[in-house]
Amino acid sequence: MSNWTRNLIIVVVMLALWLGVTVGVVWWGGSHGEGKPRTAYAYWMAAYGAPLCYLLLIGLYALLMRRRRSEP
């Protein structure tokens, strides 16, 4: 498998995880505790957790690319 193919697989997986976090936050925040006062709290917690997940994804991507660069 070529380097380009491996990098492309990593990028596609990272984009899928990013999409899952983005859609998951909206779905979980909007549907959790519907009709209750804590609905805003659930959305608020999810909205502040999403950027943390994005930072983790960026760190994971950087780690994977650094390992790929050091491979022979």
Protein backbone atom coordinates (compact mmCIF):
# COMPACT_ATOMS: atom_id res chain seq x y z
CA MET A 1 0.00 0.00 0.00
CA SER A 2 1.44 3.39 -0.94
CA ASN A 3 2.03 6.26 1.46
CA TRP A 4 -0.68 8.31 -0.24
CA THR A 5 -3.26 5.54 0.25
CA ARG A 6 -2.39 5.14 3.93
CA ASN A 7 -2.56 8.90 4.51
CA LEU A 8 -5.88 9.06 2.69
CA ILE A 9 -7.30 6.30 4.91
CA ILE A 10 -6.20 8.19 8.03
CA VAL A 11 -7.76 11.42 6.76
CA VAL A 12 -11.06 9.69 5.89
CA VAL A 13 -11.25 8.03 9.31
CA MET A 14 -10.51 11.33 11.06
CA LEU A 15 -13.18 13.11 9.02
CA ALA A 16 -15.69 10.38 9.88
CA LEU A 17 -14.90 10.79 13.59
CA TRP A 18 -15.23 14.57 13.26
CA LEU A 19 -18.60 14.18 11.57
CA GLY A 20 -19.72 11.72 14.24
CA VAL A 21 -18.80 14.15 17.01
CA THR A 22 -20.48 17.08 15.27
CA VAL A 23 -23.74 15.25 14.50
CA GLY A 24 -23.67 13.39 17.81
CA VAL A 25 -23.49 16.60 19.82
CA VAL A 26 -26.49 18.10 18.08
CA TRP A 27 -28.49 14.88 18.33
CA TRP A 28 -27.60 14.18 21.95
CA GLY A 29 -27.97 17.78 23.10
CA GLY A 30 -31.28 18.27 21.34
CA SER A 31 -32.95 15.01 22.28
CA HIS A 32 -31.67 14.40 25.80
CA GLY A 33 -34.23 15.34 28.40
CA GLU A 34 -36.72 16.82 25.97
CA GLY A 35 -39.38 18.93 27.63
CA LYS A 36 -37.39 19.26 30.83
CA PRO A 37 -35.49 22.27 32.10
CA ARG A 38 -32.19 20.39 31.88
CA THR A 39 -32.38 20.28 28.07
CA ALA A 40 -30.35 23.48 27.82
CA TYR A 41 -27.83 22.05 30.29
CA ALA A 42 -27.41 18.85 28.25
CA TYR A 43 -26.86 20.86 25.08
CA TRP A 44 -24.45 23.20 26.87
CA MET A 45 -22.39 20.28 28.18
CA ALA A 46 -22.30 18.64 24.74
CA ALA A 47 -21.36 21.90 23.02
CA TYR A 48 -18.44 22.44 25.36
CA GLY A 49 -17.34 18.81 25.08
CA ALA A 50 -17.20 18.87 21.27
CA PRO A 51 -14.22 21.24 21.02
CA LEU A 52 -12.34 19.01 23.45
CA CYS A 53 -13.03 16.05 21.17
CA TYR A 54 -11.81 18.10 18.20
CA LEU A 55 -8.56 18.85 20.04
CA LEU A 56 -8.12 15.14 20.77
CA LEU A 57 -8.69 14.34 17.09
CA ILE A 58 -6.08 16.92 16.06
CA GLY A 59 -3.60 15.47 18.54
CA LEU A 60 -4.28 11.93 17.33
CA TYR A 61 -3.84 13.00 13.70
CA ALA A 62 -0.53 14.71 14.51
CA LEU A 63 0.68 11.63 16.37
CA LEU A 64 -0.26 9.31 13.53
CA MET A 65 1.39 11.53 10.92
CA ARG A 66 4.55 11.80 13.02
CA ARG A 67 4.72 8.01 13.26
CA ARG A 68 4.13 7.72 9.51
CA ARG A 69 6.97 10.15 8.83
CA SER A 70 9.42 8.12 10.91
CA GLU A 71 8.60 4.85 9.12
CA PRO A 72 11.24 3.69 6.61
